[in-house]
Amino acid sequence: MKLAASHASTLHRGVQQHHLHTLSAHRKFRKFQTLPIHDENRINLHQHSVRHFNPKSEQKKDFYDILGVSRDAKDTEVKKAFYKLAKQWHPDANKAPEAKEKFSEINEAYQVLSNKEKRAQYDAFGHTGGAGGMGGFNAADINLNDLFENLFGRGGGSGFPFGDMFGNMGQQQSYDPNSPEPGRDLQIDVPLNFMEAVNGCQRELKINRFDECPQCQSSGVEAGTKPTKCSTCNGKGKMVQQSGFMVIQQTCWDCNGAGQRSQNCRNCGGSGLKQAASTLDINIPAGVDDGTRVRIASQGHCGKNHGGRGHAWLLCRVKADDRFERHGSDVHVAVDVPVHTAILGGTVTVPTLSGEAEVKVKAGTQPEHREIMRGKGITEPSTGRKGHQYLHFNVVIPTEINEEQKELIRKFGDLSDKHNK
């Protein structure tokens, strides 16, 4: 079967998949629903810290109130609150008379609440525990740029360009246009019928993805040309503007921080990548469900400058079946039982995942009776454990009967009345 995806590459076969991820919860089934379990013994416990204060410590403001966070605030919330207040009250940015004292108060609160040991001590004993004594702090001694870079990293994980905002002139970081860039992941929707998902299958997928440009060898630069110094930033890769005490630094918009300009490859337009059609032969493991993601390692898009391929993710889209209702690794089947078989006993034919099977019906079987065929369910792809198949008996009462059948039922009713007297 041939499938199209939205991105592009070359011919690859015999690719093995790794890792399964389920995006969606189990379906809500039309016929059979599992009742929720109510645990009357379950209780919620909330731990409360005991805090003790002396009259002297009560005069100091609560550190949580200073930063405007709750007592169960996460470290990231504390850090975010401090950044916002420090930016507002730092004496270099705020000339109000109370700014220095306010910033000192904010920093003291953060020094305690950002330290796990000091925070635990403060939660238990308040200011009396010594956690709040910062002594000798001078807001003027703190460089605003150093403050935020020490707090959040040098323009790293926080995603905020503190160097650009506050003028990190001494440690300018340049962009290397020749550094490898990792390839992006590729997602492919794979439609499956119910039995293909249960038993697994093989597929040949036609996809589009990005390969390395053969003309520029993934560099994005036209072959035979040399880069020249960017005239806009004079080769620095940064543009600097100063307004009063604030120095604003940003990446050069012409060279994107490289400090040099190159002639783009005519084949790929400078991206270093070229879209191409590819074929993947893949194996869908048995037991996948609707929303399961199957990873094919290193079969996604290529990255620039030989940065390697990302992963290809197969998103399974499983079509519902008219006979089977799936609940995790278990399947449910409705079985019609004729009324005379329910009364006298006998056998009925039921569908299973491996074909039809004969099942005994006990005499006197009641409507909605349930039987379990253990180990006849779906194999879990991650553990190999097999689920069960549940049979839900539906006693069928005929709506049209002939006169002979009516007479026999009347006799049956009369005999039942005499027997019960």
Foldseek 3Di string as FASTA:
>chain_A
DEFEFDAADAADEPFEWDDKDFDDAADQDDPDDDDDDDDPPDDDDDDAAAEDDDPVLVVDDALCVLLVHDLPDDLVSSLVSLLVLLCVQQCVNDVDPCSFVSNVSNVLSSQQCNDPVSSVQCRHYNVVSVSRDPPPDGSVVDDPLVVVCVSPNCCPDVVDNSCQWAPPPPDDDFDALLDWDEADETEGEDEDEPLCQQAWDKDKYKYKHKDFDPQVRLSQAHPPWDKAFDPVVRLQQKDWDDDPNGIGIDGDPPCRRNRIDGHGHPQPRSRRIDMDIYMYIYINHHNDDQRMKIKRQQPHHGIGNRNGYHIYIYHYHYDDDPAWDDDRQEIEGEFEDEQVCQACWDWDWHAASVGIDIDTHDHNHDAQDKDKAAQRTGQHRVPRGHGIYMYGYHHDDDPDDDPVVVVVVVVVVVVVVVVVD
